[in-house]
Amino acid sequence: MSALRAFGGEVEAVFLDVGGVFHLPDPAIVGAALRRVGLEPPPEPEVLDRAHYAGAKALAVWPTGDRGPGIWAAYEEAYAREVGVPDDRLADAVTALDAAFGERGVWSRLAPGSLAGLGALAATGVTLAVVSNSDGTLEERLRARASVRSAQDRASRWRS
């Protein structure tokens, strides 16, 4: 039984997508794309985070299908506008961002506060499901992070 309630009833399960909830675009990859269209210096990670959420909001009306040229154009245009790309460079920025968002590992920056939020949700007793349609690197990155934490925990116990 969950202690989490919403919409007048008990919440049985919460599904969370890794992209945009736990992982945000890597500032190094996106920053390089923005530099190619003349945005110097590239924006700080906090600005890039806001740009991601502006882009996600622009996808409120999802086009039919899941593939094809321009499927993410609304996201990329809103992203570019949020970081301050001038109108005369907008088309180039959308093209550069489209390439950047296709790079392996671009969705790899841990979103600030996301793990604490996950812990708080877990503490309610609700069933959690974490899903992803990532680029195929997520499991490897999570396992690597778990291995590092496990080694750090062992080292910490050894020093005690």
C-alpha atoms as a PDB file:
ATOM      1  CA  MET A   1       0.000   0.000   0.000  1.00  0.00           C
ATOM      2  CA  SER A   2       1.301   3.434  -0.966  1.00  0.00           C
ATOM      3  CA  ALA A   3       1.180   6.573   1.122  1.00  0.00           C
ATOM      4  CA  LEU A   4       1.018   8.608  -2.075  1.00  0.00           C
ATOM      5  CA  ARG A   5      -2.353  10.075  -2.996  1.00  0.00           C
ATOM      6  CA  ALA A   6      -3.419  12.104  -6.016  1.00  0.00           C
ATOM      7  CA  PHE A   7      -6.608  12.871  -7.907  1.00  0.00           C
ATOM      8  CA  GLY A   8      -8.717  11.658  -4.982  1.00  0.00           C
ATOM      9  CA  GLY A   9      -7.187   8.199  -4.728  1.00  0.00           C
ATOM     10  CA  GLU A  10      -4.153   6.132  -3.898  1.00  0.00           C
ATOM     11  CA  VAL A  11      -1.312   6.107  -6.412  1.00  0.00           C
ATOM     12  CA  GLU A  12      -0.337   2.515  -7.160  1.00  0.00           C
ATOM     13  CA  ALA A  13       2.588   3.119  -9.493  1.00  0.00           C
ATOM     14  CA  VAL A  14       4.666   5.932 -10.949  1.00  0.00           C
ATOM     15  CA  PHE A  15       6.442   5.613 -14.298  1.00  0.00           C
ATOM     16  CA  LEU A  16       9.427   7.887 -14.823  1.00  0.00           C
ATOM     17  CA  ASP A  17      11.295   8.409 -18.072  1.00  0.00           C
ATOM     18  CA  VAL A  18      15.054   8.748 -17.661  1.00  0.00           C
ATOM     19  CA  GLY A  19      15.405  11.390 -20.389  1.00  0.00           C
ATOM     20  CA  GLY A  20      14.376  14.788 -19.068  1.00  0.00           C
ATOM     21  CA  VAL A  21      13.622  13.464 -15.568  1.00  0.00           C
ATOM     22  CA  PHE A  22      16.902  11.914 -14.406  1.00  0.00           C
ATOM     23  CA  HIS A  23      19.183  12.760 -17.314  1.00  0.00           C
ATOM     24  CA  LEU A  24      19.447  16.031 -19.196  1.00  0.00           C
ATOM     25  CA  PRO A  25      21.507  16.835 -22.284  1.00  0.00           C
ATOM     26  CA  ASP A  26      25.271  16.934 -21.728  1.00  0.00           C
ATOM     27  CA  PRO A  27      26.392  20.593 -21.722  1.00  0.00           C
ATOM     28  CA  ALA A  28      29.654  19.725 -23.509  1.00  0.00           C
ATOM     29  CA  ILE A  29      27.847  18.165 -26.478  1.00  0.00           C
ATOM     30  CA  VAL A  30      25.103  20.787 -26.723  1.00  0.00           C
ATOM     31  CA  GLY A  31      27.550  23.607 -25.993  1.00  0.00           C
ATOM     32  CA  ALA A  32      29.755  22.522 -28.897  1.00  0.00           C
ATOM     33  CA  ALA A  33      26.742  22.612 -31.231  1.00  0.00           C
ATOM     34  CA  LEU A  34      25.799  26.092 -30.046  1.00  0.00           C
ATOM     35  CA  ARG A  35      29.387  27.285 -30.437  1.00  0.00           C
ATOM     36  CA  ARG A  36      29.293  26.147 -34.090  1.00  0.00           C
ATOM     37  CA  VAL A  37      26.452  28.632 -34.706  1.00  0.00           C
ATOM     38  CA  GLY A  38      28.270  31.483 -32.970  1.00  0.00           C
ATOM     39  CA  LEU A  39      26.942  31.323 -29.416  1.00  0.00           C
ATOM     40  CA  GLU A  40      30.070  32.136 -27.400  1.00  0.00           C
ATOM     41  CA  PRO A  41      30.610  31.313 -24.674  1.00  0.00           C
ATOM     42  CA  PRO A  42      28.147  28.437 -24.489  1.00  0.00           C
ATOM     43  CA  PRO A  43      25.438  28.890 -21.848  1.00  0.00           C
ATOM     44  CA  GLU A  44      25.830  27.585 -18.298  1.00  0.00           C
ATOM     45  CA  PRO A  45      24.267  24.182 -17.487  1.00  0.00           C
ATOM     46  CA  GLU A  46      21.350  25.815 -15.628  1.00  0.00           C
ATOM     47  CA  VAL A  47      20.440  27.790 -18.762  1.00  0.00           C
ATOM     48  CA  LEU A  48      20.693  24.635 -20.869  1.00  0.00           C
ATOM     49  CA  ASP A  49      18.410  22.841 -18.381  1.00  0.00           C
ATOM     50  CA  ARG A  50      15.793  25.597 -18.760  1.00  0.00           C
ATOM     51  CA  ALA A  51      16.175  25.309 -22.528  1.00  0.00           C
ATOM     52  CA  HIS A  52      15.429  21.585 -22.349  1.00  0.00           C
ATOM     53  CA  TYR A  53      12.175  22.223 -20.478  1.00  0.00           C
ATOM     54  CA  ALA A  54      11.243  25.022 -22.899  1.00  0.00           C
ATOM     55  CA  GLY A  55      11.826  22.543 -25.724  1.00  0.00           C
ATOM     56  CA  ALA A  56       9.732  19.874 -24.014  1.00  0.00           C
ATOM     57  CA  LYS A  57       6.895  22.377 -23.571  1.00  0.00           C
ATOM     58  CA  ALA A  58       7.050  23.120 -27.306  1.00  0.00           C
ATOM     59  CA  LEU A  59       6.236  19.449 -27.943  1.00  0.00           C
ATOM     60  CA  ALA A  60       2.781  19.831 -26.372  1.00  0.00           C
ATOM     61  CA  VAL A  61       1.289  18.922 -29.745  1.00  0.00           C
ATOM     62  CA  TRP A  62       3.157  15.823 -30.894  1.00  0.00           C
ATOM     63  CA  PRO A  63       3.176  15.284 -34.664  1.00  0.00           C
ATOM     64  CA  THR A  64       1.917  11.996 -36.066  1.00  0.00           C
ATOM     65  CA  GLY A  65       4.566   9.291 -36.102  1.00  0.00           C
ATOM     66  CA  ASP A  66       7.850   9.023 -34.274  1.00  0.00           C
ATOM     67  CA  ARG A  67      10.422   9.391 -37.024  1.00  0.00           C
ATOM     68  CA  GLY A  68      11.171  11.576 -39.963  1.00  0.00           C
ATOM     69  CA  PRO A  69      12.802  14.873 -40.742  1.00  0.00           C
ATOM     70  CA  GLY A  70      11.834  17.655 -38.423  1.00  0.00           C
ATOM     71  CA  ILE A  71      10.144  15.535 -35.756  1.00  0.00           C
ATOM     72  CA  TRP A  72      12.124  17.349 -33.041  1.00  0.00           C
ATOM     73  CA  ALA A  73      12.258  20.740 -34.779  1.00  0.00           C
ATOM     74  CA  ALA A  74       9.804  22.385 -32.353  1.00  0.00           C
ATOM     75  CA  TYR A  75      11.902  21.183 -29.395  1.00  0.00           C
ATOM     76  CA  GLU A  76      15.153  22.308 -30.979  1.00  0.00           C
ATOM     77  CA  GLU A  77      13.798  25.708 -32.018  1.00  0.00           C
ATOM     78  CA  ALA A  78      12.427  26.420 -28.531  1.00  0.00           C
ATOM     79  CA  TYR A  79      15.729  25.211 -27.042  1.00  0.00           C
ATOM     80  CA  ALA A  80      17.722  27.537 -29.305  1.00  0.00           C
ATOM     81  CA  ARG A  81      15.479  30.521 -28.567  1.00  0.00           C
ATOM     82  CA  GLU A  82      15.727  29.907 -24.805  1.00  0.00           C
ATOM     83  CA  VAL A  83      19.530  30.021 -24.872  1.00  0.00           C
ATOM     84  CA  GLY A  84      19.536  33.231 -26.892  1.00  0.00           C
ATOM     85  CA  VAL A  85      20.268  32.173 -30.456  1.00  0.00           C
ATOM     86  CA  PRO A  86      19.431  35.164 -32.674  1.00  0.00           C
ATOM     87  CA  ASP A  87      16.683  34.762 -35.279  1.00  0.00           C
ATOM     88  CA  ASP A  88      19.130  34.957 -38.194  1.00  0.00           C
ATOM     89  CA  ARG A  89      21.005  31.885 -36.818  1.00  0.00           C
ATOM     90  CA  LEU A  90      17.941  29.914 -35.725  1.00  0.00           C
ATOM     91  CA  ALA A  91      17.783  27.539 -38.717  1.00  0.00           C
ATOM     92  CA  ASP A  92      21.496  26.742 -38.361  1.00  0.00           C
ATOM     93  CA  ALA A  93      21.052  26.203 -34.623  1.00  0.00           C
ATOM     94  CA  VAL A  94      18.159  23.785 -35.156  1.00  0.00           C
ATOM     95  CA  THR A  95      20.319  21.797 -37.590  1.00  0.00           C
ATOM     96  CA  ALA A  96      23.303  21.784 -35.202  1.00  0.00           C
ATOM     97  CA  LEU A  97      21.143  20.819 -32.219  1.00  0.00           C
ATOM     98  CA  ASP A  98      19.456  18.057 -34.216  1.00  0.00           C
ATOM     99  CA  ALA A  99      22.890  16.542 -34.869  1.00  0.00           C
ATOM    100  CA  ALA A 100      23.976  17.039 -31.242  1.00  0.00           C
ATOM    101  CA  PHE A 101      20.867  15.366 -29.838  1.00  0.00           C
ATOM    102  CA  GLY A 102      21.613  12.389 -32.072  1.00  0.00           C
ATOM    103  CA  GLU A 103      25.065  11.858 -30.543  1.00  0.00           C
ATOM    104  CA  ARG A 104      25.682   8.846 -28.354  1.00  0.00           C
ATOM    105  CA  GLY A 105      25.573   9.738 -24.670  1.00  0.00           C
ATOM    106  CA  VAL A 106      24.011  13.185 -25.076  1.00  0.00           C
ATOM    107  CA  TRP A 107      21.355  12.392 -22.427  1.00  0.00           C
ATOM    108  CA  SER A 108      23.892  11.795 -19.676  1.00  0.00           C
ATOM    109  CA  ARG A 109      23.911  14.736 -17.245  1.00  0.00           C
ATOM    110  CA  LEU A 110      22.260  13.821 -13.967  1.00  0.00           C
ATOM    111  CA  ALA A 111      19.398  16.241 -13.366  1.00  0.00           C
ATOM    112  CA  PRO A 112      19.876  18.197 -10.141  1.00  0.00           C
ATOM    113  CA  GLY A 113      17.666  16.837  -7.364  1.00  0.00           C
ATOM    114  CA  SER A 114      16.413  13.890  -9.392  1.00  0.00           C
ATOM    115  CA  LEU A 115      17.872  11.163  -7.189  1.00  0.00           C
ATOM    116  CA  ALA A 116      16.597  12.847  -4.028  1.00  0.00           C
ATOM    117  CA  GLY A 117      13.168  13.046  -5.643  1.00  0.00           C
ATOM    118  CA  LEU A 118      13.320   9.376  -6.548  1.00  0.00           C
ATOM    119  CA  GLY A 119      14.222   8.540  -2.961  1.00  0.00           C
ATOM    120  CA  ALA A 120      11.296  10.586  -1.675  1.00  0.00           C
ATOM    121  CA  LEU A 121       8.918   8.810  -4.047  1.00  0.00           C
ATOM    122  CA  ALA A 122      10.306   5.409  -3.043  1.00  0.00           C
ATOM    123  CA  ALA A 123       9.793   6.293   0.623  1.00  0.00           C
ATOM    124  CA  THR A 124       6.033   6.567   0.009  1.00  0.00           C
ATOM    125  CA  GLY A 125       5.899   2.862  -0.820  1.00  0.00           C
ATOM    126  CA  VAL A 126       4.554   3.456  -4.324  1.00  0.00           C
ATOM    127  CA  THR A 127       5.706   1.033  -7.031  1.00  0.00           C
ATOM    128  CA  LEU A 128       8.229   2.730  -9.277  1.00  0.00           C
ATOM    129  CA  ALA A 129       9.096   2.010 -12.890  1.00  0.00           C
ATOM    130  CA  VAL A 130      11.966   3.779 -14.612  1.00  0.00           C
ATOM    131  CA  VAL A 131      11.866   3.531 -18.395  1.00  0.00           C
ATOM    132  CA  SER A 132      14.014   4.804 -21.225  1.00  0.00           C
ATOM    133  CA  ASN A 133      14.200   4.882 -24.988  1.00  0.00           C
ATOM    134  CA  SER A 134      17.816   5.994 -24.770  1.00  0.00           C
ATOM    135  CA  ASP A 135      20.638   5.598 -27.228  1.00  0.00           C
ATOM    136  CA  GLY A 136      21.633   2.210 -25.825  1.00  0.00           C
ATOM    137  CA  THR A 137      24.191   3.496 -23.334  1.00  0.00           C
ATOM    138  CA  LEU A 138      21.989   3.897 -20.263  1.00  0.00           C
ATOM    139  CA  GLU A 139      22.385   0.430 -18.759  1.00  0.00           C
ATOM    140  CA  GLU A 140      26.164   0.567 -19.206  1.00  0.00           C
ATOM    141  CA  ARG A 141      26.371   4.025 -17.593  1.00  0.00           C
ATOM    142  CA  LEU A 142      24.146   3.030 -14.662  1.00  0.00           C
ATOM    143  CA  ARG A 143      26.154  -0.127 -14.045  1.00  0.00           C
ATOM    144  CA  ALA A 144      29.411   1.868 -14.185  1.00  0.00           C
ATOM    145  CA  ARG A 145      28.037   4.408 -11.714  1.00  0.00           C
ATOM    146  CA  ALA A 146      26.872   1.582  -9.406  1.00  0.00           C
ATOM    147  CA  SER A 147      30.320  -0.043  -9.601  1.00  0.00           C
ATOM    148  CA  VAL A 148      32.023   3.228  -8.662  1.00  0.00           C
ATOM    149  CA  ARG A 149      29.645   3.731  -5.730  1.00  0.00           C
ATOM    150  CA  SER A 150      30.150   0.156  -4.578  1.00  0.00           C
ATOM    151  CA  ALA A 151      33.940   0.601  -4.682  1.00  0.00           C
ATOM    152  CA  GLN A 152      33.656   3.897  -2.796  1.00  0.00           C
ATOM    153  CA  ASP A 153      31.467   2.239  -0.144  1.00  0.00           C
ATOM    154  CA  ARG A 154      34.000  -0.602   0.283  1.00  0.00           C
ATOM    155  CA  ALA A 155      36.872   1.883   0.533  1.00  0.00           C
ATOM    156  CA  SER A 156      34.966   3.929   3.088  1.00  0.00           C
ATOM    157  CA  ARG A 157      34.282   0.853   5.255  1.00  0.00           C
ATOM    158  CA  TRP A 158      37.934  -0.199   4.952  1.00  0.00           C
ATOM    159  CA  ARG A 159      39.118   3.209   6.222  1.00  0.00           C
ATOM    160  CA  SER A 160      36.719   3.095   9.187  1.00  0.00           C
END
